[in-house]
Amino acid sequence: MSQNWQDHREPQGGRLGKVGGAEPFTASEDRQWATLAHFGGILGCVPSLLVYLSFKDRGPFTAQESKEALNFTLPPTIAALVLNLFSFIPVIGVYFAVVATLIWVGLAILSVTAGIEVNRGQPFRYRFNLRWIK
């Protein structure tokens, strides 16, 4: 027995079109969260991870751009954390701290550049990105 359109009722407590219990993003909100995922790269991979996990199902642009930002920020964040741990080594630790700082500066510059481009509504692809998360 096949169901017809009358058998599909509106979910309780909301209207049709919800994704995972939340409203899909408008185009403006989609662009906003995608932009924040890139700008969050200034702080490492955590902001883009949170945006990706929280909002990937609510907007296609947010899903695409937060995944791109996460893939880009994850390796430098790990590298910077490891280098910061090595910075506690006497005598040579200062070199590790300098390299970790340079990684952070590069990550911040590229994240801001990407965020500006995405805020204009253009998708951004980092030139060097491992794209571990498919």
N, C-alpha and C. Protein backbone atom coordinates (compact mmCIF):
# COMPACT_ATOMS: atom_id res chain seq x y z
N MET A 1 0.84 -1.17 0.00
CA MET A 1 0.00 0.00 0.00
C MET A 1 0.89 1.24 0.00
N SER A 2 0.69 2.13 -0.97
CA SER A 2 1.51 3.33 -1.02
C SER A 2 0.82 4.46 -0.27
N GLN A 3 1.63 5.32 0.27
CA GLN A 3 1.08 6.46 0.99
C GLN A 3 0.88 7.61 0.02
N ASN A 4 -0.12 8.40 0.27
CA ASN A 4 -0.30 9.58 -0.57
C ASN A 4 0.06 10.82 0.23
N TRP A 5 -0.05 11.96 -0.40
CA TRP A 5 0.38 13.21 0.22
C TRP A 5 -0.40 13.54 1.49
N GLN A 6 -1.61 13.02 1.63
CA GLN A 6 -2.43 13.34 2.80
C GLN A 6 -1.93 12.62 4.05
N ASP A 7 -1.15 11.55 3.87
CA ASP A 7 -0.64 10.82 5.03
C ASP A 7 0.54 11.53 5.70
N HIS A 8 1.12 12.48 4.99
CA HIS A 8 2.28 13.19 5.55
C HIS A 8 1.79 14.42 6.28
N ARG A 9 1.94 14.39 7.56
CA ARG A 9 1.48 15.49 8.38
C ARG A 9 2.65 16.31 8.87
N GLU A 10 2.33 17.54 9.22
CA GLU A 10 3.34 18.45 9.73
C GLU A 10 3.87 17.93 11.06
N PRO A 11 5.20 17.97 11.26
CA PRO A 11 5.74 17.53 12.54
C PRO A 11 5.23 18.39 13.68
N GLN A 12 5.11 17.78 14.83
CA GLN A 12 4.58 18.49 15.98
C GLN A 12 5.56 19.57 16.42
N GLY A 13 5.04 20.75 16.69
CA GLY A 13 5.86 21.83 17.20
C GLY A 13 6.57 22.63 16.13
N GLY A 14 6.25 22.45 14.87
CA GLY A 14 6.95 23.22 13.86
C GLY A 14 6.31 23.07 12.50
N ARG A 15 6.93 23.69 11.53
CA ARG A 15 6.40 23.62 10.17
C ARG A 15 7.29 22.73 9.32
N LEU A 16 6.82 22.40 8.16
CA LEU A 16 7.59 21.57 7.24
C LEU A 16 8.83 22.32 6.78
N GLY A 17 9.85 21.59 6.37
CA GLY A 17 11.06 22.21 5.85
C GLY A 17 12.18 22.29 6.87
N LYS A 18 11.91 21.88 8.08
CA LYS A 18 12.97 21.91 9.08
C LYS A 18 13.99 20.82 8.80
N VAL A 19 15.22 21.12 9.12
CA VAL A 19 16.31 20.17 8.95
C VAL A 19 16.84 19.84 10.34
N GLY A 20 16.70 18.60 10.77
CA GLY A 20 17.22 18.20 12.07
C GLY A 20 16.63 19.02 13.21
N GLY A 21 15.40 19.46 13.08
CA GLY A 21 14.77 20.23 14.14
C GLY A 21 15.04 21.71 14.09
N ALA A 22 15.74 22.20 13.07
CA ALA A 22 16.05 23.61 12.97
C ALA A 22 15.73 24.10 11.56
N GLU A 23 15.42 25.36 11.47
CA GLU A 23 15.08 25.97 10.18
C GLU A 23 16.32 26.03 9.28
N PRO A 24 16.14 25.80 7.98
CA PRO A 24 17.26 26.01 7.05
C PRO A 24 17.64 27.49 7.02
N PHE A 25 18.90 27.75 6.73
CA PHE A 25 19.38 29.13 6.68
C PHE A 25 18.82 29.86 5.48
N THR A 26 18.63 31.16 5.66
CA THR A 26 18.37 32.02 4.51
C THR A 26 19.72 32.19 3.80
N ALA A 27 19.70 32.76 2.61
CA ALA A 27 20.96 32.96 1.87
C ALA A 27 21.92 33.85 2.65
N SER A 28 21.39 34.85 3.30
CA SER A 28 22.22 35.76 4.09
C SER A 28 22.84 35.06 5.30
N GLU A 29 22.05 34.27 6.00
CA GLU A 29 22.57 33.52 7.16
C GLU A 29 23.60 32.48 6.71
N ASP A 30 23.33 31.85 5.58
CA ASP A 30 24.25 30.85 5.05
C ASP A 30 25.62 31.48 4.78
N ARG A 31 25.61 32.64 4.15
CA ARG A 31 26.86 33.35 3.85
C ARG A 31 27.53 33.82 5.15
N GLN A 32 26.73 34.26 6.12
CA GLN A 32 27.28 34.75 7.39
C GLN A 32 28.03 33.64 8.13
N TRP A 33 27.43 32.46 8.26
CA TRP A 33 28.07 31.38 8.99
C TRP A 33 29.28 30.83 8.23
N ALA A 34 29.21 30.83 6.92
CA ALA A 34 30.36 30.41 6.12
C ALA A 34 31.53 31.37 6.33
N THR A 35 31.21 32.66 6.39
CA THR A 35 32.24 33.68 6.62
C THR A 35 32.85 33.51 8.01
N LEU A 36 32.02 33.29 9.01
CA LEU A 36 32.53 33.11 10.38
C LEU A 36 33.40 31.87 10.51
N ALA A 37 33.10 30.84 9.73
CA ALA A 37 33.93 29.63 9.77
C ALA A 37 35.36 29.96 9.32
N HIS A 38 35.48 30.80 8.30
CA HIS A 38 36.81 31.18 7.83
C HIS A 38 37.49 32.15 8.78
N PHE A 39 36.77 33.18 9.23
CA PHE A 39 37.35 34.14 10.16
C PHE A 39 37.79 33.45 11.46
N GLY A 40 37.10 32.40 11.84
CA GLY A 40 37.46 31.66 13.05
C GLY A 40 38.82 31.02 12.97
N GLY A 41 39.38 30.89 11.76
CA GLY A 41 40.71 30.33 11.60
C GLY A 41 41.78 31.10 12.35
N ILE A 42 41.49 32.33 12.71
CA ILE A 42 42.41 33.13 13.51
C ILE A 42 42.66 32.44 14.85
N LEU A 43 41.66 31.72 15.33
CA LEU A 43 41.76 31.03 16.62
C LEU A 43 42.13 29.55 16.46
N GLY A 44 42.36 29.10 15.25
CA GLY A 44 42.69 27.70 15.01
C GLY A 44 41.52 26.96 14.38
N CYS A 45 41.49 25.65 14.57
CA CYS A 45 40.49 24.83 13.89
C CYS A 45 39.18 24.69 14.66
N VAL A 46 39.14 25.07 15.92
CA VAL A 46 37.95 24.86 16.74
C VAL A 46 36.72 25.62 16.23
N PRO A 47 36.82 26.91 15.87
CA PRO A 47 35.61 27.60 15.39
C PRO A 47 35.03 26.97 14.12
N SER A 48 35.88 26.63 13.16
CA SER A 48 35.35 26.02 11.93
C SER A 48 34.78 24.63 12.21
N LEU A 49 35.36 23.91 13.15
CA LEU A 49 34.81 22.61 13.54
C LEU A 49 33.43 22.78 14.15
N LEU A 50 33.27 23.74 15.03
CA LEU A 50 31.97 23.98 15.66
C LEU A 50 30.92 24.41 14.64
N VAL A 51 31.29 25.29 13.72
CA VAL A 51 30.35 25.71 12.67
C VAL A 51 29.99 24.52 11.80
N TYR A 52 30.98 23.72 11.43
CA TYR A 52 30.71 22.57 10.57
C TYR A 52 29.77 21.57 11.25
N LEU A 53 30.07 21.22 12.49
CA LEU A 53 29.24 20.25 13.19
C LEU A 53 27.84 20.78 13.52
N SER A 54 27.75 22.06 13.81
CA SER A 54 26.47 22.63 14.23
C SER A 54 25.55 23.00 13.07
N PHE A 55 26.13 23.48 11.96
CA PHE A 55 25.30 24.09 10.93
C PHE A 55 25.45 23.51 9.54
N LYS A 56 26.18 22.42 9.37
CA LYS A 56 26.40 21.88 8.02
C LYS A 56 25.11 21.44 7.34
N ASP A 57 24.11 21.05 8.10
CA ASP A 57 22.86 20.59 7.52
C ASP A 57 21.85 21.72 7.28
N ARG A 58 22.19 22.92 7.69
CA ARG A 58 21.23 24.03 7.58
C ARG A 58 21.47 24.92 6.37
N GLY A 59 22.65 24.80 5.75
CA GLY A 59 22.92 25.61 4.57
C GLY A 59 24.05 25.01 3.75
N PRO A 60 23.88 24.89 2.44
CA PRO A 60 24.91 24.27 1.60
C PRO A 60 26.21 25.07 1.54
N PHE A 61 26.11 26.39 1.54
CA PHE A 61 27.32 27.22 1.48
C PHE A 61 28.09 27.11 2.79
N THR A 62 27.37 27.08 3.90
CA THR A 62 28.01 26.90 5.20
C THR A 62 28.69 25.55 5.28
N ALA A 63 28.04 24.50 4.81
CA ALA A 63 28.64 23.16 4.83
C ALA A 63 29.92 23.13 4.01
N GLN A 64 29.86 23.67 2.81
CA GLN A 64 31.02 23.66 1.92
C GLN A 64 32.19 24.47 2.49
N GLU A 65 31.91 25.68 2.92
CA GLU A 65 32.98 26.58 3.36
C GLU A 65 33.51 26.24 4.75
N SER A 66 32.66 25.76 5.65
CA SER A 66 33.18 25.38 6.96
C SER A 66 34.05 24.13 6.84
N LYS A 67 33.71 23.24 5.92
CA LYS A 67 34.55 22.06 5.69
C LYS A 67 35.89 22.47 5.08
N GLU A 68 35.87 23.41 4.15
CA GLU A 68 37.11 23.92 3.55
C GLU A 68 37.98 24.58 4.63
N ALA A 69 37.36 25.40 5.47
CA ALA A 69 38.10 26.07 6.55
C ALA A 69 38.64 25.06 7.55
N LEU A 70 37.86 24.07 7.89
CA LEU A 70 38.31 23.05 8.84
C LEU A 70 39.49 22.25 8.27
N ASN A 71 39.37 21.84 7.02
CA ASN A 71 40.47 21.11 6.39
C ASN A 71 41.75 21.93 6.33
N PHE A 72 41.60 23.24 6.14
CA PHE A 72 42.79 24.09 6.07
C PHE A 72 43.39 24.37 7.45
N THR A 73 42.57 24.61 8.44
CA THR A 73 43.09 25.03 9.74
C THR A 73 43.55 23.88 10.63
N LEU A 74 43.09 22.67 10.37
CA LEU A 74 43.44 21.54 11.24
C LEU A 74 44.95 21.23 11.28
N PRO A 75 45.63 21.02 10.15
CA PRO A 75 47.07 20.71 10.24
C PRO A 75 47.92 21.82 10.86
N PRO A 76 47.73 23.12 10.50
CA PRO A 76 48.54 24.14 11.16
C PRO A 76 48.25 24.28 12.65
N THR A 77 47.00 24.04 13.05
CA THR A 77 46.68 24.10 14.48
C THR A 77 47.41 23.01 15.24
N ILE A 78 47.40 21.80 14.69
CA ILE A 78 48.13 20.70 15.34
C ILE A 78 49.62 20.99 15.38
N ALA A 79 50.17 21.48 14.26
CA ALA A 79 51.60 21.80 14.20
C ALA A 79 51.96 22.88 15.22
N ALA A 80 51.14 23.92 15.30
CA ALA A 80 51.43 25.01 16.24
C ALA A 80 51.35 24.53 17.69
N LEU A 81 50.40 23.65 18.00
CA LEU A 81 50.32 23.11 19.36
C LEU A 81 51.55 22.29 19.72
N VAL A 82 51.98 21.45 18.78
CA VAL A 82 53.17 20.63 19.02
C VAL A 82 54.41 21.52 19.18
N LEU A 83 54.53 22.52 18.30
CA LEU A 83 55.68 23.43 18.40
C LEU A 83 55.66 24.22 19.70
N ASN A 84 54.48 24.60 20.15
CA ASN A 84 54.40 25.30 21.43
C ASN A 84 54.82 24.40 22.59
N LEU A 85 54.52 23.12 22.50
CA LEU A 85 55.01 22.19 23.54
C LEU A 85 56.54 22.09 23.50
N PHE A 86 57.08 22.05 22.29
CA PHE A 86 58.54 21.99 22.15
C PHE A 86 59.22 23.29 22.58
N SER A 87 58.47 24.36 22.66
CA SER A 87 59.08 25.63 23.05
C SER A 87 59.54 25.63 24.51
N PHE A 88 59.13 24.64 25.28
CA PHE A 88 59.58 24.54 26.67
C PHE A 88 60.96 23.89 26.80
N ILE A 89 61.50 23.42 25.70
CA ILE A 89 62.84 22.82 25.73
C ILE A 89 63.86 23.94 25.94
N PRO A 90 64.72 23.80 26.93
CA PRO A 90 65.71 24.85 27.18
C PRO A 90 66.62 25.07 25.97
N VAL A 91 67.06 26.28 25.79
CA VAL A 91 67.99 26.76 24.78
C VAL A 91 67.35 26.83 23.38
N ILE A 92 66.84 25.73 22.85
CA ILE A 92 66.30 25.75 21.48
C ILE A 92 64.79 26.00 21.44
N GLY A 93 64.15 26.06 22.56
CA GLY A 93 62.70 26.23 22.61
C GLY A 93 62.22 27.51 21.96
N VAL A 94 63.02 28.55 22.02
CA VAL A 94 62.63 29.83 21.44
C VAL A 94 62.43 29.71 19.93
N TYR A 95 63.19 28.87 19.27
CA TYR A 95 63.04 28.68 17.81
C TYR A 95 61.69 28.02 17.48
N PHE A 96 61.31 27.06 18.31
CA PHE A 96 60.01 26.44 18.11
C PHE A 96 58.88 27.45 18.33
N ALA A 97 59.05 28.32 19.30
CA ALA A 97 58.03 29.34 19.57
C ALA A 97 57.91 30.31 18.40
N VAL A 98 59.04 30.68 17.80
CA VAL A 98 59.02 31.59 16.65
C VAL A 98 58.30 30.95 15.47
N VAL A 99 58.60 29.68 15.20
CA VAL A 99 57.95 28.98 14.09
C VAL A 99 56.45 28.84 14.35
N ALA A 100 56.06 28.54 15.58
CA ALA A 100 54.64 28.44 15.93
C ALA A 100 53.94 29.79 15.72
N THR A 101 54.61 30.87 16.07
CA THR A 101 54.05 32.20 15.87
C THR A 101 53.89 32.51 14.39
N LEU A 102 54.87 32.15 13.58
CA LEU A 102 54.78 32.36 12.13
C LEU A 102 53.63 31.57 11.52
N ILE A 103 53.44 30.36 12.01
CA ILE A 103 52.30 29.55 11.53
C ILE A 103 50.99 30.25 11.87
N TRP A 104 50.89 30.74 13.10
CA TRP A 104 49.67 31.42 13.51
C TRP A 104 49.42 32.68 12.68
N VAL A 105 50.46 33.46 12.41
CA VAL A 105 50.31 34.68 11.62
C VAL A 105 49.85 34.33 10.20
N GLY A 106 50.48 33.32 9.59
CA GLY A 106 50.07 32.90 8.25
C GLY A 106 48.64 32.40 8.22
N LEU A 107 48.27 31.63 9.22
CA LEU A 107 46.90 31.12 9.34
C LEU A 107 45.90 32.26 9.48
N ALA A 108 46.24 33.25 10.28
CA ALA A 108 45.36 34.40 10.48
C ALA A 108 45.18 35.19 9.19
N ILE A 109 46.26 35.44 8.48
CA ILE A 109 46.18 36.21 7.23
C ILE A 109 45.34 35.48 6.19
N LEU A 110 45.59 34.19 6.01
CA LEU A 110 44.83 33.43 5.03
C LEU A 110 43.37 33.27 5.43
N SER A 111 43.10 33.14 6.72
CA SER A 111 41.72 33.02 7.19
C SER A 111 40.93 34.31 6.95
N VAL A 112 41.54 35.44 7.19
CA VAL A 112 40.88 36.72 6.96
C VAL A 112 40.64 36.92 5.45
N THR A 113 41.64 36.59 4.65
CA THR A 113 41.49 36.70 3.19
C THR A 113 40.32 35.84 2.71
N ALA A 114 40.25 34.60 3.18
CA ALA A 114 39.16 33.70 2.79
C ALA A 114 37.83 34.22 3.29
N GLY A 115 37.78 34.71 4.52
CA GLY A 115 36.54 35.23 5.08
C GLY A 115 35.99 36.40 4.30
N ILE A 116 36.86 37.28 3.85
CA ILE A 116 36.43 38.42 3.05
C ILE A 116 35.84 37.95 1.72
N GLU A 117 36.50 37.00 1.09
CA GLU A 117 36.02 36.47 -0.19
C GLU A 117 34.67 35.77 -0.03
N VAL A 118 34.54 34.97 1.01
CA VAL A 118 33.29 34.24 1.26
C VAL A 118 32.17 35.21 1.63
N ASN A 119 32.48 36.27 2.34
CA ASN A 119 31.47 37.26 2.69
C ASN A 119 30.90 37.93 1.45
N ARG A 120 31.67 37.98 0.38
CA ARG A 120 31.19 38.52 -0.91
C ARG A 120 30.31 37.52 -1.65
N GLY A 121 30.19 36.30 -1.09
CA GLY A 121 29.35 35.28 -1.71
C GLY A 121 30.10 34.36 -2.65
N GLN A 122 31.42 34.49 -2.69
CA GLN A 122 32.24 33.66 -3.56
C GLN A 122 32.84 32.50 -2.78
N PRO A 123 32.76 31.28 -3.30
CA PRO A 123 33.42 30.16 -2.60
C PRO A 123 34.93 30.35 -2.63
N PHE A 124 35.59 29.87 -1.61
CA PHE A 124 37.05 30.03 -1.51
C PHE A 124 37.72 28.68 -1.40
N ARG A 125 38.76 28.47 -2.17
CA ARG A 125 39.57 27.25 -2.10
C ARG A 125 40.99 27.66 -1.74
N TYR A 126 41.48 27.14 -0.62
CA TYR A 126 42.86 27.39 -0.24
C TYR A 126 43.78 26.66 -1.22
N ARG A 127 44.84 27.32 -1.61
CA ARG A 127 45.76 26.73 -2.59
C ARG A 127 46.38 25.44 -2.06
N PHE A 128 46.80 25.47 -0.81
CA PHE A 128 47.41 24.29 -0.19
C PHE A 128 46.48 23.80 0.91
N ASN A 129 45.73 22.77 0.61
CA ASN A 129 44.77 22.24 1.56
C ASN A 129 44.73 20.72 1.42
N LEU A 130 44.88 20.01 2.51
CA LEU A 130 44.91 18.54 2.47
C LEU A 130 43.54 17.92 2.22
N ARG A 131 42.49 18.63 2.59
CA ARG A 131 41.11 18.15 2.41
C ARG A 131 40.91 16.74 2.94
N TRP A 132 41.23 16.55 4.22
CA TRP A 132 41.06 15.26 4.88
C TRP A 132 39.60 14.92 5.06
N ILE A 133 38.79 15.90 5.35
CA ILE A 133 37.36 15.68 5.59
C ILE A 133 36.64 15.85 4.27
N LYS A 134 36.01 14.80 3.83
CA LYS A 134 35.35 14.82 2.49
C LYS A 134 33.93 15.25 2.61
